[in-house]
Protein backbone atom coordinates (compact mmCIF):
# COMPACT_ATOMS: atom_id res chain seq x y z
CA MET A 1 -16.39 -70.23 48.84
CA ALA A 2 -18.81 -68.66 46.09
CA GLU A 3 -20.65 -71.09 43.98
CA ILE A 4 -21.92 -69.44 40.78
CA GLU A 5 -24.87 -71.26 38.91
CA ILE A 6 -24.76 -71.22 35.09
CA ARG A 7 -27.71 -71.35 33.51
CA LEU A 8 -29.05 -72.00 29.97
CA PRO A 9 -29.88 -68.54 28.56
CA LYS A 10 -32.74 -67.66 26.29
CA MET A 11 -31.58 -68.27 22.90
CA GLY A 12 -34.69 -66.83 20.64
CA GLU A 13 -38.30 -66.01 20.91
CA SER A 14 -39.34 -69.79 20.08
CA VAL A 15 -36.31 -71.49 21.56
CA THR A 16 -37.34 -73.26 24.81
CA GLU A 17 -34.71 -76.10 25.08
CA ALA A 18 -31.32 -77.09 23.73
CA THR A 19 -29.16 -80.14 23.50
CA ILE A 20 -25.82 -80.25 25.13
CA THR A 21 -23.67 -81.40 22.02
CA ASN A 22 -20.26 -80.82 23.67
CA TRP A 23 -18.67 -79.88 27.02
CA LEU A 24 -15.41 -77.54 26.05
CA LYS A 25 -14.51 -77.58 29.64
CA ASN A 26 -14.08 -80.52 32.22
CA VAL A 27 -14.75 -80.87 35.70
CA GLY A 28 -11.83 -79.27 37.67
CA ASP A 29 -10.60 -77.09 34.70
CA THR A 30 -10.05 -73.31 35.04
CA VAL A 31 -12.59 -71.18 33.38
CA ALA A 32 -12.27 -67.44 32.26
CA MET A 33 -14.89 -65.07 32.10
CA ASP A 34 -16.74 -65.03 28.70
CA GLU A 35 -14.64 -68.32 27.69
CA ALA A 36 -16.44 -71.03 25.69
CA LEU A 37 -17.71 -73.46 28.34
CA VAL A 38 -20.31 -75.78 26.49
CA GLU A 39 -21.65 -76.24 22.76
CA VAL A 40 -25.55 -76.55 22.44
CA ALA A 41 -27.77 -77.23 19.69
CA THR A 42 -31.27 -75.58 19.41
CA ASP A 43 -34.03 -76.33 16.87
CA LYS A 44 -32.45 -73.47 14.65
CA VAL A 45 -28.56 -73.48 15.12
CA ASP A 46 -25.58 -74.78 16.98
CA ASN A 47 -24.12 -72.18 19.50
CA GLU A 48 -21.00 -72.18 21.88
CA LEU A 49 -22.10 -70.50 25.27
CA PRO A 50 -19.37 -68.37 27.22
CA SER A 51 -19.20 -68.66 31.18
CA GLU A 52 -20.64 -65.83 32.88
CA ALA A 53 -17.84 -66.11 35.78
CA GLU A 54 -14.46 -67.01 36.46
CA GLY A 55 -13.23 -69.94 38.53
CA VAL A 56 -13.12 -73.58 38.60
CA LEU A 57 -15.86 -76.16 36.75
CA ILE A 58 -16.91 -78.13 39.73
CA LYS A 59 -20.17 -79.52 38.52
CA GLN A 60 -21.96 -80.46 35.05
CA MET A 61 -25.65 -80.70 35.55
CA PHE A 62 -26.08 -82.31 31.98
CA ASN A 63 -24.46 -84.83 30.26
CA GLN A 64 -23.48 -84.87 26.58
CA ASP A 65 -26.76 -85.17 24.20
CA GLU A 66 -29.19 -84.33 27.36
CA VAL A 67 -31.94 -81.67 26.55
CA ALA A 68 -31.94 -78.68 28.99
CA GLN A 69 -34.88 -76.13 29.29
CA VAL A 70 -34.07 -72.58 28.99
CA GLY A 71 -33.44 -71.50 32.65
CA ASP A 72 -31.90 -74.57 33.75
CA VAL A 73 -28.79 -74.82 35.84
CA ILE A 74 -26.26 -76.38 33.37
CA ALA A 75 -23.09 -75.92 35.43
CA ILE A 76 -21.37 -74.71 38.52
CA ILE A 77 -18.31 -72.87 38.98
CA SER A 78 -16.66 -72.10 42.30
CA SER A 79 -14.50 -68.94 42.89
CA ASP A 80 -12.38 -71.20 44.94
CA VAL A 81 -9.69 -72.74 43.09
CA ASN A 82 -9.27 -75.46 45.68
CA ALA A 83 -13.00 -76.41 45.74
CA ALA A 84 -14.05 -79.89 45.72
CA ILE A 85 -15.36 -80.86 42.67
CA GLU A 86 -17.99 -83.47 41.54
CA THR A 87 -16.61 -85.76 38.86
CA GLU A 88 -19.65 -87.17 37.41
CA PRO A 89 -22.30 -85.05 35.72
CA THR A 90 -25.75 -84.76 37.60
CA PRO A 91 -28.49 -85.16 34.98
CA LYS A 92 -31.48 -83.13 35.36
CA SER A 93 -34.89 -84.32 34.14
CA THR A 94 -37.32 -82.36 35.67
CA THR A 95 -37.51 -79.48 38.26
CA VAL A 96 -39.95 -81.58 40.31
CA GLN A 97 -39.51 -85.16 40.76
CA SER A 98 -42.08 -87.51 41.95
CA THR A 99 -41.77 -90.47 44.28
CA GLN A 100 -41.51 -92.83 41.11
CA GLU A 101 -38.68 -90.65 39.62
CA LYS A 102 -36.75 -90.80 43.27
CA ALA A 103 -37.10 -94.48 43.13
CA ILE A 104 -35.99 -94.77 39.40
CA GLU A 105 -32.80 -93.11 40.81
CA THR A 106 -31.93 -95.57 43.07
CA LYS A 107 -31.68 -98.46 40.77
CA GLU A 108 -28.92 -99.29 38.37
CA PRO A 109 -28.39 -96.62 35.66
CA SER A 110 -28.02 -99.00 32.71
CA GLU A 111 -31.47 -100.95 33.64
CA VAL A 112 -34.47 -99.40 35.14
CA GLU A 113 -37.69 -101.38 36.28
CA ILE A 114 -40.72 -99.97 35.25
CA PRO A 115 -43.99 -100.79 36.83
CA LEU A 116 -46.49 -102.84 34.69
CA VAL A 117 -48.53 -100.88 32.99
CA PRO A 118 -51.22 -101.14 29.87
CA ASN A 119 -49.54 -100.06 26.66
CA SER A 120 -51.40 -97.02 25.16
CA GLN A 121 -52.02 -98.24 21.95
CA ASN A 122 -51.74 -101.98 21.68
CA GLY A 123 -52.93 -103.07 25.32
CA VAL A 124 -49.67 -105.19 26.05
CA VAL A 125 -47.68 -104.57 29.27
CA ASN A 126 -44.30 -102.85 29.59
CA GLN A 127 -41.85 -105.40 30.98
CA ARG A 128 -38.92 -102.98 31.34
CA ILE A 129 -37.42 -99.71 29.76
CA THR A 130 -33.60 -99.77 29.62
CA LYS A 131 -31.30 -96.74 29.65
CA ASN A 132 -30.14 -98.07 25.94
CA GLY A 133 -32.37 -99.30 23.24
CA SER A 134 -31.76 -102.36 21.28
CA LYS A 135 -30.00 -99.99 18.70
CA GLY A 136 -28.10 -98.23 20.89
CA GLN A 137 -30.47 -95.25 21.48
CA PHE A 138 -29.95 -93.37 24.77
CA PHE A 139 -33.02 -92.83 26.66
CA SER A 140 -32.81 -89.85 29.30
CA PRO A 141 -34.47 -90.18 32.65
CA LEU A 142 -37.19 -87.82 31.30
CA VAL A 143 -37.96 -89.54 28.29
CA ARG A 144 -38.19 -92.70 30.06
CA SER A 145 -40.39 -91.51 32.95
CA ILE A 146 -42.96 -89.97 30.01
CA ALA A 147 -42.85 -93.35 28.38
CA GLU A 148 -43.57 -95.12 32.14
CA LYS A 149 -46.44 -92.80 32.56
CA GLU A 150 -48.08 -93.13 29.27
CA GLY A 151 -47.82 -96.91 28.81
CA ILE A 152 -45.14 -96.66 25.85
CA SER A 153 -43.43 -99.81 25.49
CA GLN A 154 -39.75 -100.33 24.85
CA THR A 155 -40.11 -101.31 21.40
CA GLU A 156 -42.64 -98.35 20.55
CA LEU A 157 -40.04 -96.35 22.21
CA GLU A 158 -37.14 -97.11 19.61
CA GLN A 159 -39.63 -96.48 16.75
CA ILE A 160 -40.06 -92.81 17.32
CA ASP A 161 -37.79 -90.84 15.15
CA GLY A 162 -35.44 -88.44 17.39
CA SER A 163 -34.63 -85.22 16.62
CA GLY A 164 -31.94 -84.60 19.20
CA ALA A 165 -28.27 -84.89 18.40
CA GLU A 166 -27.23 -87.97 16.42
CA GLY A 167 -31.06 -88.90 16.27
CA ARG A 168 -31.55 -88.98 20.06
CA ILE A 169 -35.31 -88.85 21.19
CA THR A 170 -36.20 -85.94 23.27
CA LYS A 171 -39.15 -85.02 25.26
CA LYS A 172 -40.69 -83.03 22.29
CA ASP A 173 -40.22 -86.01 20.23
CA VAL A 174 -42.20 -88.44 22.67
CA LEU A 175 -45.12 -86.08 23.28
CA ALA A 176 -45.27 -85.32 19.29
CA HIS A 177 -45.83 -89.21 19.16
CA LEU A 178 -48.41 -89.05 21.79
CA THR A 179 -50.34 -86.45 20.22
CA ASN A 180 -49.99 -88.32 16.60
CA SER A 181 -51.36 -91.27 18.11
CA ILE A 182 -54.04 -89.68 19.85
CA ASN A 183 -55.10 -88.02 16.41
CA THR A 184 -54.88 -91.18 14.74
CA THR A 185 -57.05 -92.63 17.03
CA VAL A 186 -59.58 -90.04 16.83
CA LYS A 187 -59.31 -90.24 13.16
CA SER A 188 -59.99 -93.72 13.05
CA GLU A 189 -63.09 -93.85 15.30
CA THR A 190 -64.38 -90.96 13.27
CA LEU A 191 -63.98 -92.85 9.94
CA GLU A 192 -65.33 -96.00 11.67
CA LYS A 193 -68.70 -94.25 12.22
CA GLN A 194 -68.92 -92.71 8.90
CA PRO A 195 -69.62 -94.20 5.54
CA PRO A 196 -66.74 -94.33 3.16
CA SER A 197 -66.03 -91.44 0.78
CA LYS A 198 -63.15 -89.77 -0.82
CA SER A 199 -63.58 -86.50 1.43
CA THR A 200 -63.01 -88.66 4.75
CA ALA A 201 -60.20 -90.99 3.32
CA VAL A 202 -56.86 -90.70 5.59
CA LYS A 203 -53.73 -90.56 3.10
CA ALA A 204 -50.84 -92.15 4.51
CA ALA A 205 -47.28 -91.34 3.39
CA PRO A 206 -45.99 -94.00 0.96
CA VAL A 207 -43.78 -96.82 2.27
CA VAL A 208 -40.86 -97.36 0.09
CA ILE A 209 -38.88 -100.80 0.38
CA PRO A 210 -35.59 -100.40 -0.57
CA SER A 211 -33.56 -103.11 -2.68
CA GLY A 212 -30.46 -104.73 -1.83
CA GLU A 213 -28.38 -101.83 -3.91
CA ASP A 214 -30.21 -98.92 -2.61
CA GLN A 215 -28.31 -96.56 -0.15
CA ILE A 216 -29.99 -95.64 3.02
CA ILE A 217 -29.36 -92.11 4.31
CA GLU A 218 -30.90 -90.99 7.53
CA MET A 219 -31.92 -87.52 7.60
CA ASP A 220 -29.85 -85.25 10.12
CA ARG A 221 -31.46 -83.21 12.59
CA MET A 222 -31.72 -79.94 10.49
CA ARG A 223 -33.02 -81.71 7.47
CA LYS A 224 -35.89 -83.14 9.62
CA LEU A 225 -36.78 -79.69 10.90
CA ILE A 226 -36.69 -78.15 7.22
CA ALA A 227 -39.02 -81.17 6.26
CA GLU A 228 -41.40 -80.22 8.99
CA HIS A 229 -41.27 -76.65 8.45
CA MET A 230 -42.13 -76.83 4.68
CA VAL A 231 -44.79 -79.55 5.03
CA MET A 232 -46.38 -77.25 7.76
CA SER A 233 -46.14 -74.20 5.54
CA LYS A 234 -47.94 -75.88 2.84
CA GLN A 235 -50.71 -77.22 5.07
CA VAL A 236 -51.02 -73.67 6.61
CA SER A 237 -51.23 -71.66 3.53
CA PRO A 238 -52.68 -71.55 0.15
CA HIS A 239 -49.84 -70.82 -2.02
CA VAL A 240 -50.17 -68.65 -5.06
CA THR A 241 -47.25 -67.45 -7.32
CA SER A 242 -46.91 -64.58 -9.72
CA TYR A 243 -44.13 -63.96 -12.03
CA VAL A 244 -42.78 -60.88 -13.48
CA GLU A 245 -39.76 -60.43 -15.95
CA ALA A 246 -37.35 -57.62 -14.87
CA ASP A 247 -34.83 -55.58 -17.37
CA VAL A 248 -31.88 -55.20 -14.85
CA THR A 249 -29.57 -54.26 -17.72
CA ASN A 250 -28.79 -50.67 -15.99
CA ILE A 251 -27.91 -52.58 -12.84
CA VAL A 252 -25.44 -55.11 -14.42
CA ASN A 253 -23.70 -52.11 -16.45
CA TRP A 254 -23.74 -49.91 -13.32
CA ARG A 255 -22.03 -52.68 -11.19
CA ASN A 256 -19.73 -53.81 -13.76
CA LYS A 257 -18.62 -50.09 -13.57
CA ILE A 258 -17.98 -49.75 -9.99
CA LYS A 259 -17.62 -53.14 -8.76
CA LYS A 260 -13.57 -52.89 -8.68
CA GLY A 261 -13.42 -49.48 -7.04
CA TYR A 262 -15.86 -50.80 -4.27
CA LYS A 263 -13.65 -53.87 -3.63
CA GLU A 264 -10.69 -51.58 -3.07
CA ARG A 265 -12.46 -49.55 -0.92
CA GLU A 266 -14.56 -51.47 1.21
CA GLY A 267 -12.38 -55.03 0.99
CA GLU A 268 -15.70 -56.85 -0.14
CA ASN A 269 -17.44 -57.98 -3.28
CA LEU A 270 -20.57 -55.94 -4.20
CA THR A 271 -23.22 -58.71 -5.47
CA PHE A 272 -26.58 -58.32 -6.97
CA THR A 273 -28.19 -59.42 -3.94
CA PRO A 274 -28.18 -56.47 -1.95
CA ILE A 275 -29.24 -54.35 -5.01
CA LEU A 276 -32.16 -56.58 -5.31
CA ILE A 277 -32.90 -56.50 -1.52
CA GLU A 278 -33.08 -52.48 -1.71
CA ALA A 279 -35.71 -52.50 -4.14
CA ILE A 280 -38.00 -55.13 -2.29
CA VAL A 281 -37.51 -53.21 1.02
CA LYS A 282 -38.89 -49.93 -1.29
CA ALA A 283 -41.73 -51.94 -2.44
CA ILE A 284 -42.70 -53.04 1.02
CA LYS A 285 -42.82 -49.64 2.04
CA ASP A 286 -45.30 -49.00 -0.82
CA PHE A 287 -47.36 -52.14 0.00
CA PRO A 288 -47.24 -52.64 3.79
CA MET A 289 -49.94 -55.46 3.74
CA ILE A 290 -47.24 -57.85 2.42
CA ASN A 291 -45.29 -57.33 5.90
CA VAL A 292 -47.65 -59.07 7.88
CA SER A 293 -48.14 -62.51 9.88
CA VAL A 294 -51.27 -64.18 10.29
CA SER A 295 -52.61 -65.18 14.07
CA GLY A 296 -55.99 -66.95 13.96
CA THR A 297 -58.37 -64.31 12.41
CA GLN A 298 -55.89 -61.51 13.08
CA ILE A 299 -53.57 -59.98 10.89
CA ILE A 300 -50.50 -58.32 12.56
CA VAL A 301 -48.80 -55.70 10.46
CA LYS A 302 -45.22 -55.63 11.06
CA LYS A 303 -43.70 -52.35 11.81
CA ASP A 304 -39.89 -53.35 11.29
CA ILE A 305 -38.86 -54.68 7.81
CA ASN A 306 -36.69 -57.60 8.32
CA ILE A 307 -35.67 -59.64 5.19
CA GLY A 308 -34.68 -63.26 5.75
CA MET A 309 -31.92 -64.47 3.00
CA ALA A 310 -32.34 -67.98 2.65
CA THR A 311 -28.61 -69.38 2.35
CA ALA A 312 -27.67 -72.89 1.20
CA LEU A 313 -24.99 -74.53 3.63
CA PRO A 314 -21.97 -76.60 2.56
CA SER A 315 -23.96 -79.79 3.98
CA GLY A 316 -26.80 -79.10 1.58
CA ASN A 317 -29.18 -77.67 4.04
CA LEU A 318 -30.73 -74.18 4.18
CA ILE A 319 -30.78 -71.80 6.70
CA VAL A 320 -32.40 -68.18 6.49
CA PRO A 321 -30.49 -65.30 8.70
CA VAL A 322 -32.06 -62.14 8.89
CA ILE A 323 -31.16 -58.59 8.02
CA LYS A 324 -32.98 -56.37 10.76
CA ASN A 325 -34.25 -53.15 9.86
CA ALA A 326 -33.22 -53.18 6.08
CA ASP A 327 -35.12 -50.15 5.35
CA ARG A 328 -32.86 -47.99 7.57
CA LEU A 329 -29.57 -49.50 5.72
CA SER A 330 -27.67 -47.86 2.79
CA LEU A 331 -26.87 -50.24 -0.12
CA THR A 332 -23.25 -50.43 1.72
CA GLY A 333 -24.87 -51.07 4.65
CA LEU A 334 -26.96 -54.06 2.83
CA THR A 335 -23.91 -55.14 1.28
CA LYS A 336 -22.17 -55.55 4.38
CA SER A 337 -25.10 -57.40 6.36
CA VAL A 338 -25.46 -59.73 3.31
CA ASN A 339 -21.89 -60.48 2.99
CA GLN A 340 -21.51 -60.95 6.83
CA LEU A 341 -24.64 -63.20 7.53
CA ALA A 342 -23.81 -65.31 4.37
CA ASN A 343 -20.25 -65.85 5.56
CA ASN A 344 -21.28 -66.60 9.17
CA ALA A 345 -23.87 -69.37 8.01
CA ARG A 346 -21.42 -71.02 6.01
CA GLU A 347 -19.11 -71.15 8.68
CA ASN A 348 -21.72 -72.16 11.43
CA LYS A 349 -20.97 -68.74 13.28
CA LEU A 350 -24.67 -67.74 13.29
CA LYS A 351 -26.14 -66.71 16.58
CA PRO A 352 -29.46 -67.47 17.82
CA GLU A 353 -30.73 -63.77 17.17
CA ASP A 354 -29.43 -63.85 13.58
CA ILE A 355 -32.23 -66.09 12.47
CA GLN A 356 -34.92 -64.78 14.38
CA GLY A 357 -37.76 -62.03 13.83
CA GLY A 358 -37.97 -62.08 9.73
CA THR A 359 -40.80 -60.52 8.25
CA TYR A 360 -40.26 -61.30 4.51
CA THR A 361 -38.00 -63.75 2.95
CA VAL A 362 -35.75 -63.83 -0.44
CA THR A 363 -34.04 -66.75 -2.15
CA ASN A 364 -31.65 -66.48 -4.66
CA VAL A 365 -32.41 -69.48 -6.92
CA GLY A 366 -30.52 -67.76 -9.69
CA SER A 367 -27.19 -68.73 -7.94
CA PHE A 368 -27.87 -72.17 -8.98
CA GLY A 369 -28.34 -71.02 -12.56
CA ASN A 370 -32.26 -71.60 -12.08
CA VAL A 371 -34.60 -69.02 -14.16
CA MET A 372 -37.15 -69.09 -11.89
CA GLY A 373 -38.80 -71.29 -8.81
CA THR A 374 -41.73 -71.56 -6.94
CA PRO A 375 -40.56 -70.99 -3.26
CA ILE A 376 -42.49 -72.21 -0.14
CA ILE A 377 -43.35 -69.49 2.45
CA ASN A 378 -41.08 -69.08 5.38
CA GLN A 379 -43.91 -69.44 8.31
CA PRO A 380 -45.08 -67.21 10.10
CA GLN A 381 -44.64 -64.84 6.84
CA VAL A 382 -46.99 -64.39 4.32
CA ALA A 383 -44.77 -64.05 1.13
CA ILE A 384 -41.28 -64.73 -0.19
CA MET A 385 -39.74 -63.95 -3.30
CA ALA A 386 -37.48 -66.41 -5.74
CA LEU A 387 -34.99 -64.47 -7.74
CA GLY A 388 -34.06 -66.02 -11.05
CA ALA A 389 -30.49 -65.87 -12.82
CA ILE A 390 -29.78 -62.83 -14.95
CA ARG A 391 -29.32 -63.70 -18.67
CA LYS A 392 -28.55 -62.07 -21.76
CA VAL A 393 -31.68 -62.37 -24.13
CA PRO A 394 -32.82 -60.66 -27.14
CA ALA A 395 -35.51 -58.13 -26.53
CA VAL A 396 -37.56 -55.44 -28.34
CA VAL A 397 -36.18 -52.13 -27.03
CA GLU A 398 -38.67 -48.97 -27.58
CA THR A 399 -37.01 -45.53 -28.11
CA PRO A 400 -38.13 -42.37 -29.30
CA GLU A 401 -36.71 -43.27 -32.70
CA GLY A 402 -38.68 -46.26 -33.00
CA ASP A 403 -38.34 -50.14 -31.86
CA PHE A 404 -35.30 -52.23 -32.40
CA ILE A 405 -33.91 -55.61 -31.12
CA GLY A 406 -31.30 -55.61 -28.58
CA ILE A 407 -29.39 -57.55 -26.29
CA ARG A 408 -30.61 -56.96 -22.51
CA HIS A 409 -29.98 -58.58 -19.23
CA LYS A 410 -33.15 -59.94 -17.67
CA MET A 411 -34.86 -61.74 -14.78
CA PHE A 412 -37.77 -63.52 -13.81
CA LEU A 413 -38.96 -62.82 -10.38
CA SER A 414 -41.32 -65.32 -8.53
CA HIS A 415 -43.44 -64.07 -5.92
CA ALA A 416 -45.20 -66.54 -3.72
CA TYR A 417 -47.72 -65.61 -1.24
CA ASP A 418 -50.43 -66.57 1.32
CA HIS A 419 -53.71 -66.34 -0.57
CA ARG A 420 -55.78 -66.08 2.87
CA VAL A 421 -54.49 -62.45 3.10
CA VAL A 422 -52.68 -61.58 0.01
CA ASP A 423 -55.15 -61.47 -2.94
CA GLY A 424 -53.80 -61.86 -6.55
CA ALA A 425 -54.08 -58.04 -7.11
CA LEU A 426 -51.89 -57.06 -4.01
CA GLY A 427 -49.33 -60.15 -4.90
CA GLY A 428 -49.12 -59.18 -8.46
CA ARG A 429 -48.77 -55.41 -7.85
CA PHE A 430 -46.12 -55.99 -5.23
CA VAL A 431 -43.82 -57.98 -7.53
CA ARG A 432 -44.42 -55.59 -10.42
CA LYS A 433 -43.41 -52.84 -8.03
CA VAL A 434 -40.05 -54.46 -7.41
CA ALA A 435 -39.40 -55.20 -11.17
CA ASP A 436 -40.17 -51.18 -11.74
CA TYR A 437 -37.47 -50.42 -9.22
CA LEU A 438 -35.20 -52.65 -10.65
CA GLU A 439 -35.66 -51.19 -14.31
CA GLN A 440 -35.64 -47.68 -13.13
CA PHE A 441 -32.15 -47.90 -11.38
CA ASP A 442 -29.62 -44.89 -11.95
CA ILE A 443 -26.78 -45.84 -13.96
CA ASN A 444 -25.20 -42.56 -12.37
CA ARG A 445 -25.80 -43.39 -8.95
CA ASP A 446 -22.66 -43.11 -6.26
CA ILE A 447 -22.22 -45.51 -3.51
């Protein structure tokens, strides 16, 4: 009998773990090669993992809502259809178990005794950490083990905001809590040694007390991640925004002329987004120092031009799928990529690699009727452009015969950039160049 170990694959350059959200096959079920086996959620996307072998699922190594590290064995499949199966999942916490962890495993799973240790923050002792918190939260063996080692009490553990599925507390959440506690302690000790001043004052987030009629909505996992990423970006990069108004009358007239024939030929719509992205890609070639990242004191100039396009989801959250090597695609290729990625995003079908490796981001605020915006840089990139709504406006039109007032289609381009490495001259010239490419669009162009 051959037993095949199914491991959690690498799902992106920055993804190190995933939460098991749903087993699509139960122990004892027959599994075909490449058949969906389990659903997992990472910090980026939710995804189905296909089976790497065919046979019978005899063991699930992780329960639903538990966190697995990349490379962990998550399931075992036997090629023998009559193989003995293990009906209970075997939770995996760490690859190396200490004597304390082995002792914990022999206890009743619903209630685990923890040695009395001083609490790391308030000096009290932990009496007991149970598998489930007072509010019904589930604490995995790994989380309970870290809490015991670091002296985190049951009450303190229950106060941590979880980033896992349905608010579950993960190893990362506990470690982040410990780091914040240490930083807070260090700041407090430092402030005690210094005279009070405006520069050393620690500003805490305001505490809002809801009234009896207010509705309280808990952030979902993706919204928490978006919030953290946005705050981090503003802390890391000094944002500056330059604005240019572009006359896109030629583009509007050209698209109106060819969009029906394009739809009949290609079977999909030609929107303004790929046309605008094409102009941005051309400008990046002219100004490659926009297509960079910062690592410490080093500027990393990206060879590839990978355009991220911020996409609103039905849930109200935001995700940024990436068009890889956009400079190598024709306008038709860009159109197909934009449409496919946008549809996959809305249908929750994006793969981890679809949101990795972006070097510059575009957000279309005009799709919501907004004239312009002040976008936040998508780290570790150094620039992002917001595309405003295209509007009919009266404008002065210059001709060899003289100037006159005419109706033109115009839009604002808002270019936000990291002032650590992109100065106003570069940031302003770049967005002006994008506008130039849009205004010089050939109305007789074939596609």
